[in-house]
Amino acid sequence: MRSSALGLLVAVVLLAGCGGGSSRLSKKDYEQHLHQDATLIAKAATNASTADFNSPDQYARRVALAQQGMKRAADDLDTLKAPADAEQDTKQIVAGVRYLSKALARLHHAATTSSFAEAQKVSSDIAASPEVKGVGTAINDLKRKGYDVGAFSGS
């Protein structure tokens, strides 16, 4: 499925990600996690957005891979001890990435049942999601605070 909402998914997921750690990260280490996990999230977004709904089996496999990547990124980010001034933004990003992971699970279901209408509904839900919009807000806030957000900088 190639819709503007799925295109939005690609743009939004490029706004999220981090990795794990048990102590509060320095700004530099946090930025390094942002850069590394952007790759994971971008790959997940590409898997989902370039899948062809006209081939439901292939679509289901690609969306499942994307969903796993999103879940892994959200799990990593959720365990991260971000710098104090990035903590709330990190929580907001986690909420958005978890939402996207769940949305991708719904897209997977749509593919396995060949329900194009359901897939369109999920795409519309993604576009209207406050969680997804919150990711952009969080990234903009991180940039305003002077964080190098790497691949997210064009957002």
N, C-alpha and C. Protein backbone atom coordinates (compact mmCIF):
# COMPACT_ATOMS: atom_id res chain seq x y z
N MET A 1 0.85 -1.16 0.00
CA MET A 1 0.00 0.00 0.00
C MET A 1 0.89 1.21 0.00
N ARG A 2 0.61 2.14 -0.88
CA ARG A 2 1.37 3.37 -0.93
C ARG A 2 0.40 4.52 -0.82
N SER A 3 0.21 5.00 0.34
CA SER A 3 -0.70 6.11 0.55
C SER A 3 0.07 7.24 1.18
N SER A 4 -0.53 8.43 1.16
CA SER A 4 0.13 9.56 1.79
C SER A 4 0.29 9.33 3.29
N ALA A 5 -0.64 8.61 3.88
CA ALA A 5 -0.52 8.33 5.32
C ALA A 5 0.66 7.41 5.58
N LEU A 6 0.89 6.43 4.71
CA LEU A 6 2.03 5.55 4.90
C LEU A 6 3.32 6.33 4.64
N GLY A 7 3.26 7.28 3.72
CA GLY A 7 4.40 8.17 3.51
C GLY A 7 4.69 8.97 4.77
N LEU A 8 3.62 9.39 5.44
CA LEU A 8 3.77 10.09 6.71
C LEU A 8 4.43 9.19 7.74
N LEU A 9 4.06 7.90 7.72
CA LEU A 9 4.68 6.93 8.62
C LEU A 9 6.19 6.96 8.44
N VAL A 10 6.65 6.93 7.20
CA VAL A 10 8.08 6.93 6.93
C VAL A 10 8.72 8.18 7.52
N ALA A 11 8.12 9.33 7.27
CA ALA A 11 8.69 10.58 7.78
C ALA A 11 8.71 10.59 9.30
N VAL A 12 7.64 10.14 9.90
CA VAL A 12 7.53 10.20 11.35
C VAL A 12 8.48 9.24 12.03
N VAL A 13 8.60 8.03 11.50
CA VAL A 13 9.46 7.08 12.19
C VAL A 13 10.91 7.48 12.10
N LEU A 14 11.25 8.27 11.11
CA LEU A 14 12.61 8.77 11.06
C LEU A 14 12.88 9.78 12.17
N LEU A 15 11.85 10.13 12.89
CA LEU A 15 11.99 11.07 14.00
C LEU A 15 12.25 10.40 15.33
N ALA A 16 12.33 9.09 15.38
CA ALA A 16 12.36 8.42 16.68
C ALA A 16 13.52 7.46 16.82
N GLY A 17 13.85 7.11 18.06
CA GLY A 17 14.76 6.04 18.34
C GLY A 17 15.88 6.38 19.30
N CYS A 18 16.31 5.40 20.04
CA CYS A 18 17.44 5.45 20.95
C CYS A 18 17.78 4.04 21.36
N GLY A 19 18.71 3.87 22.28
CA GLY A 19 19.11 2.55 22.73
C GLY A 19 19.15 2.47 24.24
N GLY A 20 19.56 1.32 24.75
CA GLY A 20 19.46 1.06 26.17
C GLY A 20 20.66 1.53 26.97
N GLY A 21 20.54 1.46 28.29
CA GLY A 21 21.60 1.81 29.21
C GLY A 21 21.05 1.91 30.61
N SER A 22 21.91 1.67 31.63
CA SER A 22 21.43 1.66 33.01
C SER A 22 21.68 2.97 33.73
N SER A 23 22.65 3.79 33.32
CA SER A 23 22.88 5.07 33.97
C SER A 23 22.57 6.19 32.99
N ARG A 24 22.34 7.38 33.54
CA ARG A 24 21.98 8.51 32.68
C ARG A 24 23.10 8.75 31.67
N LEU A 25 22.73 8.84 30.42
CA LEU A 25 23.70 9.04 29.35
C LEU A 25 24.15 10.50 29.28
N SER A 26 25.36 10.69 28.81
CA SER A 26 25.82 12.04 28.49
C SER A 26 25.10 12.49 27.22
N LYS A 27 25.14 13.76 26.95
CA LYS A 27 24.52 14.29 25.73
C LYS A 27 25.14 13.61 24.50
N LYS A 28 26.45 13.47 24.50
CA LYS A 28 27.14 12.85 23.36
C LYS A 28 26.69 11.41 23.16
N ASP A 29 26.63 10.65 24.24
CA ASP A 29 26.20 9.25 24.13
C ASP A 29 24.74 9.14 23.69
N TYR A 30 23.91 10.03 24.20
CA TYR A 30 22.50 10.05 23.81
C TYR A 30 22.38 10.33 22.30
N GLU A 31 23.14 11.32 21.83
CA GLU A 31 23.12 11.64 20.40
C GLU A 31 23.59 10.45 19.56
N GLN A 32 24.59 9.73 20.07
CA GLN A 32 25.07 8.55 19.35
C GLN A 32 23.95 7.52 19.23
N HIS A 33 23.18 7.33 20.29
CA HIS A 33 22.05 6.41 20.23
C HIS A 33 21.00 6.90 19.23
N LEU A 34 20.74 8.18 19.21
CA LEU A 34 19.79 8.73 18.24
C LEU A 34 20.23 8.39 16.83
N HIS A 35 21.51 8.57 16.54
CA HIS A 35 22.03 8.31 15.20
C HIS A 35 21.92 6.82 14.86
N GLN A 36 22.32 5.96 15.78
CA GLN A 36 22.30 4.52 15.52
C GLN A 36 20.88 3.99 15.32
N ASP A 37 19.99 4.40 16.18
CA ASP A 37 18.65 3.84 16.10
C ASP A 37 17.82 4.45 14.98
N ALA A 38 18.24 5.59 14.47
CA ALA A 38 17.58 6.15 13.29
C ALA A 38 17.65 5.16 12.14
N THR A 39 18.78 4.45 12.03
CA THR A 39 18.95 3.46 10.98
C THR A 39 17.96 2.32 11.14
N LEU A 40 17.80 1.83 12.36
CA LEU A 40 16.84 0.76 12.63
C LEU A 40 15.42 1.20 12.28
N ILE A 41 15.06 2.38 12.70
CA ILE A 41 13.72 2.88 12.46
C ILE A 41 13.49 3.16 10.98
N ALA A 42 14.49 3.73 10.32
CA ALA A 42 14.36 3.99 8.88
C ALA A 42 14.17 2.70 8.10
N LYS A 43 14.91 1.65 8.50
CA LYS A 43 14.76 0.36 7.82
C LYS A 43 13.35 -0.19 8.03
N ALA A 44 12.85 -0.07 9.24
CA ALA A 44 11.49 -0.54 9.52
C ALA A 44 10.48 0.24 8.68
N ALA A 45 10.66 1.54 8.60
CA ALA A 45 9.74 2.37 7.82
C ALA A 45 9.80 2.00 6.34
N THR A 46 11.00 1.76 5.84
CA THR A 46 11.15 1.38 4.44
C THR A 46 10.49 0.05 4.17
N ASN A 47 10.68 -0.91 5.07
CA ASN A 47 10.02 -2.22 4.90
C ASN A 47 8.51 -2.06 4.79
N ALA A 48 7.93 -1.21 5.62
CA ALA A 48 6.48 -1.03 5.60
C ALA A 48 6.01 -0.23 4.40
N SER A 49 6.70 0.85 4.11
CA SER A 49 6.19 1.77 3.09
C SER A 49 6.42 1.30 1.66
N THR A 50 7.36 0.40 1.46
CA THR A 50 7.62 -0.06 0.09
C THR A 50 7.00 -1.41 -0.22
N ALA A 51 6.30 -1.97 0.75
CA ALA A 51 5.62 -3.24 0.52
C ALA A 51 4.42 -3.02 -0.40
N ASP A 52 4.16 -4.00 -1.23
CA ASP A 52 3.07 -3.92 -2.21
C ASP A 52 1.87 -4.72 -1.71
N PHE A 53 0.78 -4.03 -1.42
CA PHE A 53 -0.41 -4.69 -0.88
C PHE A 53 -1.01 -5.67 -1.89
N ASN A 54 -0.68 -5.50 -3.17
CA ASN A 54 -1.19 -6.43 -4.19
C ASN A 54 -0.55 -7.80 -4.09
N SER A 55 0.49 -7.94 -3.29
CA SER A 55 1.12 -9.23 -2.98
C SER A 55 1.01 -9.44 -1.48
N PRO A 56 -0.16 -9.88 -1.01
CA PRO A 56 -0.42 -9.94 0.43
C PRO A 56 0.60 -10.71 1.25
N ASP A 57 1.12 -11.82 0.74
CA ASP A 57 2.11 -12.59 1.51
C ASP A 57 3.39 -11.78 1.70
N GLN A 58 3.86 -11.17 0.61
CA GLN A 58 5.07 -10.36 0.68
C GLN A 58 4.82 -9.15 1.57
N TYR A 59 3.67 -8.53 1.42
CA TYR A 59 3.30 -7.37 2.24
C TYR A 59 3.30 -7.75 3.72
N ALA A 60 2.68 -8.88 4.04
CA ALA A 60 2.61 -9.33 5.44
C ALA A 60 4.00 -9.56 6.01
N ARG A 61 4.89 -10.17 5.24
CA ARG A 61 6.26 -10.41 5.72
C ARG A 61 6.99 -9.10 5.96
N ARG A 62 6.90 -8.18 5.03
CA ARG A 62 7.62 -6.90 5.16
C ARG A 62 7.07 -6.07 6.30
N VAL A 63 5.77 -6.06 6.46
CA VAL A 63 5.17 -5.30 7.55
C VAL A 63 5.52 -5.94 8.90
N ALA A 64 5.57 -7.27 8.95
CA ALA A 64 5.96 -7.96 10.19
C ALA A 64 7.40 -7.59 10.56
N LEU A 65 8.29 -7.54 9.58
CA LEU A 65 9.67 -7.12 9.85
C LEU A 65 9.71 -5.69 10.36
N ALA A 66 8.92 -4.83 9.75
CA ALA A 66 8.87 -3.43 10.18
C ALA A 66 8.35 -3.33 11.60
N GLN A 67 7.31 -4.09 11.91
CA GLN A 67 6.72 -4.06 13.24
C GLN A 67 7.74 -4.51 14.28
N GLN A 68 8.49 -5.55 13.98
CA GLN A 68 9.53 -6.03 14.89
C GLN A 68 10.60 -4.97 15.11
N GLY A 69 11.00 -4.28 14.05
CA GLY A 69 12.00 -3.21 14.16
C GLY A 69 11.50 -2.07 15.03
N MET A 70 10.25 -1.68 14.83
CA MET A 70 9.67 -0.61 15.65
C MET A 70 9.60 -1.02 17.12
N LYS A 71 9.17 -2.24 17.36
CA LYS A 71 9.07 -2.72 18.74
C LYS A 71 10.44 -2.74 19.40
N ARG A 72 11.42 -3.22 18.66
CA ARG A 72 12.79 -3.27 19.20
C ARG A 72 13.30 -1.86 19.51
N ALA A 73 13.04 -0.91 18.61
CA ALA A 73 13.47 0.47 18.84
C ALA A 73 12.76 1.06 20.06
N ALA A 74 11.46 0.82 20.17
CA ALA A 74 10.71 1.34 21.32
C ALA A 74 11.21 0.72 22.62
N ASP A 75 11.48 -0.58 22.60
CA ASP A 75 11.99 -1.25 23.80
C ASP A 75 13.35 -0.69 24.20
N ASP A 76 14.22 -0.49 23.21
CA ASP A 76 15.53 0.10 23.50
C ASP A 76 15.39 1.50 24.09
N LEU A 77 14.59 2.29 23.45
CA LEU A 77 14.39 3.67 23.89
C LEU A 77 13.80 3.73 25.29
N ASP A 78 12.90 2.81 25.57
CA ASP A 78 12.23 2.80 26.87
C ASP A 78 13.18 2.47 28.01
N THR A 79 14.24 1.74 27.72
CA THR A 79 15.20 1.38 28.77
C THR A 79 16.32 2.42 28.91
N LEU A 80 16.37 3.37 28.00
CA LEU A 80 17.41 4.38 28.00
C LEU A 80 17.25 5.36 29.15
N LYS A 81 18.33 5.67 29.81
CA LYS A 81 18.33 6.72 30.85
C LYS A 81 18.86 7.98 30.17
N ALA A 82 17.95 8.73 29.57
CA ALA A 82 18.31 9.92 28.79
C ALA A 82 18.82 11.04 29.69
N PRO A 83 19.56 11.99 29.13
CA PRO A 83 19.91 13.18 29.91
C PRO A 83 18.62 13.81 30.44
N ALA A 84 18.72 14.48 31.57
CA ALA A 84 17.54 15.04 32.24
C ALA A 84 16.70 15.91 31.31
N ASP A 85 17.35 16.75 30.50
CA ASP A 85 16.59 17.65 29.64
C ASP A 85 15.99 16.96 28.42
N ALA A 86 16.32 15.69 28.22
CA ALA A 86 15.77 14.93 27.09
C ALA A 86 14.81 13.84 27.55
N GLU A 87 14.64 13.70 28.85
CA GLU A 87 13.84 12.60 29.39
C GLU A 87 12.38 12.64 28.93
N GLN A 88 11.73 13.77 29.03
CA GLN A 88 10.32 13.87 28.63
C GLN A 88 10.16 13.68 27.13
N ASP A 89 11.07 14.24 26.35
CA ASP A 89 11.03 14.05 24.90
C ASP A 89 11.19 12.57 24.55
N THR A 90 12.07 11.89 25.28
CA THR A 90 12.29 10.47 25.04
C THR A 90 11.02 9.68 25.32
N LYS A 91 10.35 10.00 26.41
CA LYS A 91 9.09 9.32 26.73
C LYS A 91 8.05 9.54 25.63
N GLN A 92 8.01 10.74 25.09
CA GLN A 92 7.06 11.06 24.04
C GLN A 92 7.39 10.28 22.77
N ILE A 93 8.66 10.14 22.48
CA ILE A 93 9.07 9.37 21.31
C ILE A 93 8.72 7.90 21.49
N VAL A 94 8.95 7.37 22.70
CA VAL A 94 8.60 5.97 22.98
C VAL A 94 7.11 5.75 22.71
N ALA A 95 6.27 6.66 23.19
CA ALA A 95 4.83 6.51 22.98
C ALA A 95 4.49 6.47 21.49
N GLY A 96 5.13 7.33 20.71
CA GLY A 96 4.88 7.35 19.27
C GLY A 96 5.36 6.10 18.56
N VAL A 97 6.54 5.62 18.92
CA VAL A 97 7.08 4.42 18.28
C VAL A 97 6.27 3.19 18.68
N ARG A 98 5.84 3.13 19.93
CA ARG A 98 4.98 2.00 20.35
C ARG A 98 3.65 2.04 19.58
N TYR A 99 3.10 3.23 19.41
CA TYR A 99 1.87 3.36 18.63
C TYR A 99 2.10 2.84 17.21
N LEU A 100 3.23 3.24 16.60
CA LEU A 100 3.53 2.80 15.24
C LEU A 100 3.71 1.28 15.17
N SER A 101 4.34 0.72 16.19
CA SER A 101 4.50 -0.73 16.23
C SER A 101 3.14 -1.43 16.24
N LYS A 102 2.23 -0.90 17.05
CA LYS A 102 0.88 -1.48 17.12
C LYS A 102 0.13 -1.28 15.80
N ALA A 103 0.32 -0.12 15.18
CA ALA A 103 -0.32 0.14 13.89
C ALA A 103 0.20 -0.82 12.83
N LEU A 104 1.49 -1.10 12.87
CA LEU A 104 2.06 -2.06 11.92
C LEU A 104 1.52 -3.46 12.16
N ALA A 105 1.27 -3.81 13.40
CA ALA A 105 0.64 -5.11 13.68
C ALA A 105 -0.75 -5.16 13.05
N ARG A 106 -1.47 -4.04 13.09
CA ARG A 106 -2.79 -3.97 12.45
C ARG A 106 -2.66 -4.07 10.93
N LEU A 107 -1.61 -3.45 10.37
CA LEU A 107 -1.38 -3.57 8.93
C LEU A 107 -1.06 -5.01 8.55
N HIS A 108 -0.32 -5.68 9.41
CA HIS A 108 -0.02 -7.09 9.16
C HIS A 108 -1.31 -7.90 9.12
N HIS A 109 -2.19 -7.64 10.06
CA HIS A 109 -3.49 -8.34 10.07
C HIS A 109 -4.26 -8.05 8.78
N ALA A 110 -4.24 -6.79 8.35
CA ALA A 110 -4.93 -6.43 7.11
C ALA A 110 -4.37 -7.21 5.93
N ALA A 111 -3.05 -7.39 5.91
CA ALA A 111 -2.43 -8.14 4.81
C ALA A 111 -2.81 -9.61 4.86
N THR A 112 -2.81 -10.19 6.05
CA THR A 112 -3.11 -11.62 6.14
C THR A 112 -4.57 -11.91 5.85
N THR A 113 -5.43 -10.91 5.97
CA THR A 113 -6.85 -11.09 5.64
C THR A 113 -7.21 -10.43 4.32
N SER A 114 -6.20 -9.90 3.63
CA SER A 114 -6.39 -9.20 2.35
C SER A 114 -7.43 -8.09 2.44
N SER A 115 -7.43 -7.37 3.54
CA SER A 115 -8.39 -6.29 3.75
C SER A 115 -7.75 -4.94 3.44
N PHE A 116 -7.92 -4.52 2.19
CA PHE A 116 -7.39 -3.22 1.78
C PHE A 116 -8.07 -2.10 2.56
N ALA A 117 -9.36 -2.25 2.84
CA ALA A 117 -10.09 -1.23 3.60
C ALA A 117 -9.50 -1.06 4.99
N GLU A 118 -9.15 -2.17 5.64
CA GLU A 118 -8.54 -2.10 6.97
C GLU A 118 -7.17 -1.42 6.89
N ALA A 119 -6.41 -1.75 5.86
CA ALA A 119 -5.10 -1.13 5.69
C ALA A 119 -5.23 0.38 5.49
N GLN A 120 -6.22 0.79 4.71
CA GLN A 120 -6.46 2.23 4.52
C GLN A 120 -6.85 2.90 5.84
N LYS A 121 -7.65 2.23 6.63
CA LYS A 121 -8.07 2.77 7.94
C LYS A 121 -6.86 2.95 8.85
N VAL A 122 -5.99 1.96 8.89
CA VAL A 122 -4.79 2.06 9.72
C VAL A 122 -3.95 3.25 9.27
N SER A 123 -3.77 3.40 7.97
CA SER A 123 -2.99 4.53 7.45
C SER A 123 -3.60 5.86 7.85
N SER A 124 -4.91 5.96 7.78
CA SER A 124 -5.59 7.19 8.20
C SER A 124 -5.40 7.43 9.69
N ASP A 125 -5.50 6.37 10.48
CA ASP A 125 -5.31 6.49 11.92
C ASP A 125 -3.90 6.97 12.24
N ILE A 126 -2.91 6.47 11.52
CA ILE A 126 -1.53 6.90 11.72
C ILE A 126 -1.40 8.39 11.46
N ALA A 127 -1.96 8.84 10.36
CA ALA A 127 -1.85 10.25 9.98
C ALA A 127 -2.48 11.17 11.02
N ALA A 128 -3.54 10.71 11.68
CA ALA A 128 -4.25 11.55 12.65
C ALA A 128 -3.78 11.34 14.09
N SER A 129 -2.88 10.44 14.31
CA SER A 129 -2.48 10.04 15.66
C SER A 129 -1.76 11.15 16.42
N PRO A 130 -2.24 11.48 17.63
CA PRO A 130 -1.52 12.44 18.46
C PRO A 130 -0.16 11.89 18.91
N GLU A 131 -0.06 10.56 19.04
CA GLU A 131 1.23 9.96 19.43
C GLU A 131 2.28 10.20 18.35
N VAL A 132 1.86 10.04 17.10
CA VAL A 132 2.79 10.24 15.99
C VAL A 132 3.16 11.72 15.88
N LYS A 133 2.19 12.58 16.02
CA LYS A 133 2.48 14.02 15.99
C LYS A 133 3.41 14.40 17.14
N GLY A 134 3.26 13.73 18.27
CA GLY A 134 4.10 14.00 19.43
C GLY A 134 5.57 13.69 19.18
N VAL A 135 5.84 12.71 18.32
CA VAL A 135 7.22 12.38 17.99
C VAL A 135 7.90 13.59 17.34
N GLY A 136 7.22 14.21 16.38
CA GLY A 136 7.77 15.39 15.72
C GLY A 136 8.01 16.53 16.70
N THR A 137 7.07 16.71 17.61
CA THR A 137 7.21 17.75 18.62
C THR A 137 8.43 17.48 19.51
N ALA A 138 8.60 16.22 19.91
CA ALA A 138 9.72 15.86 20.77
C ALA A 138 11.06 16.07 20.06
N ILE A 139 11.14 15.66 18.80
CA ILE A 139 12.39 15.85 18.05
C ILE A 139 12.69 17.33 17.89
N ASN A 140 11.67 18.13 17.57
CA ASN A 140 11.90 19.57 17.45
C ASN A 140 12.38 20.17 18.77
N ASP A 141 11.84 19.67 19.88
CA ASP A 141 12.28 20.15 21.19
C ASP A 141 13.74 19.76 21.44
N LEU A 142 14.10 18.53 21.09
CA LEU A 142 15.49 18.12 21.25
C LEU A 142 16.42 19.01 20.41
N LYS A 143 16.02 19.30 19.18
CA LYS A 143 16.84 20.17 18.33
C LYS A 143 16.95 21.56 18.95
N ARG A 144 15.86 22.07 19.49
CA ARG A 144 15.86 23.40 20.13
C ARG A 144 16.82 23.42 21.32
N LYS A 145 16.95 22.29 22.00
CA LYS A 145 17.85 22.18 23.15
C LYS A 145 19.30 21.95 22.73
N GLY A 146 19.55 21.88 21.44
CA GLY A 146 20.91 21.74 20.96
C GLY A 146 21.38 20.33 20.69
N TYR A 147 20.46 19.37 20.66
CA TYR A 147 20.84 18.00 20.37
C TYR A 147 21.03 17.81 18.89
N ASP A 148 22.09 17.09 18.53
CA ASP A 148 22.31 16.67 17.15
C ASP A 148 21.48 15.41 16.96
N VAL A 149 20.41 15.52 16.22
CA VAL A 149 19.48 14.40 16.05
C VAL A 149 19.76 13.62 14.77
N GLY A 150 20.89 13.88 14.15
CA GLY A 150 21.33 13.10 12.99
C GLY A 150 20.33 13.12 11.86
N ALA A 151 19.91 11.94 11.43
CA ALA A 151 18.99 11.79 10.30
C ALA A 151 17.67 12.48 10.54
N PHE A 152 17.37 12.80 11.77
CA PHE A 152 16.11 13.47 12.09
C PHE A 152 16.17 14.98 11.82
N SER A 153 17.35 15.51 11.53
CA SER A 153 17.54 16.95 11.42
C SER A 153 16.71 17.59 10.32
N GLY A 154 16.33 16.83 9.29
CA GLY A 154 15.52 17.37 8.22
C GLY A 154 14.05 17.40 8.56
N SER A 155 13.69 16.94 9.75
CA SER A 155 12.28 16.83 10.13
C SER A 155 11.73 18.15 10.59
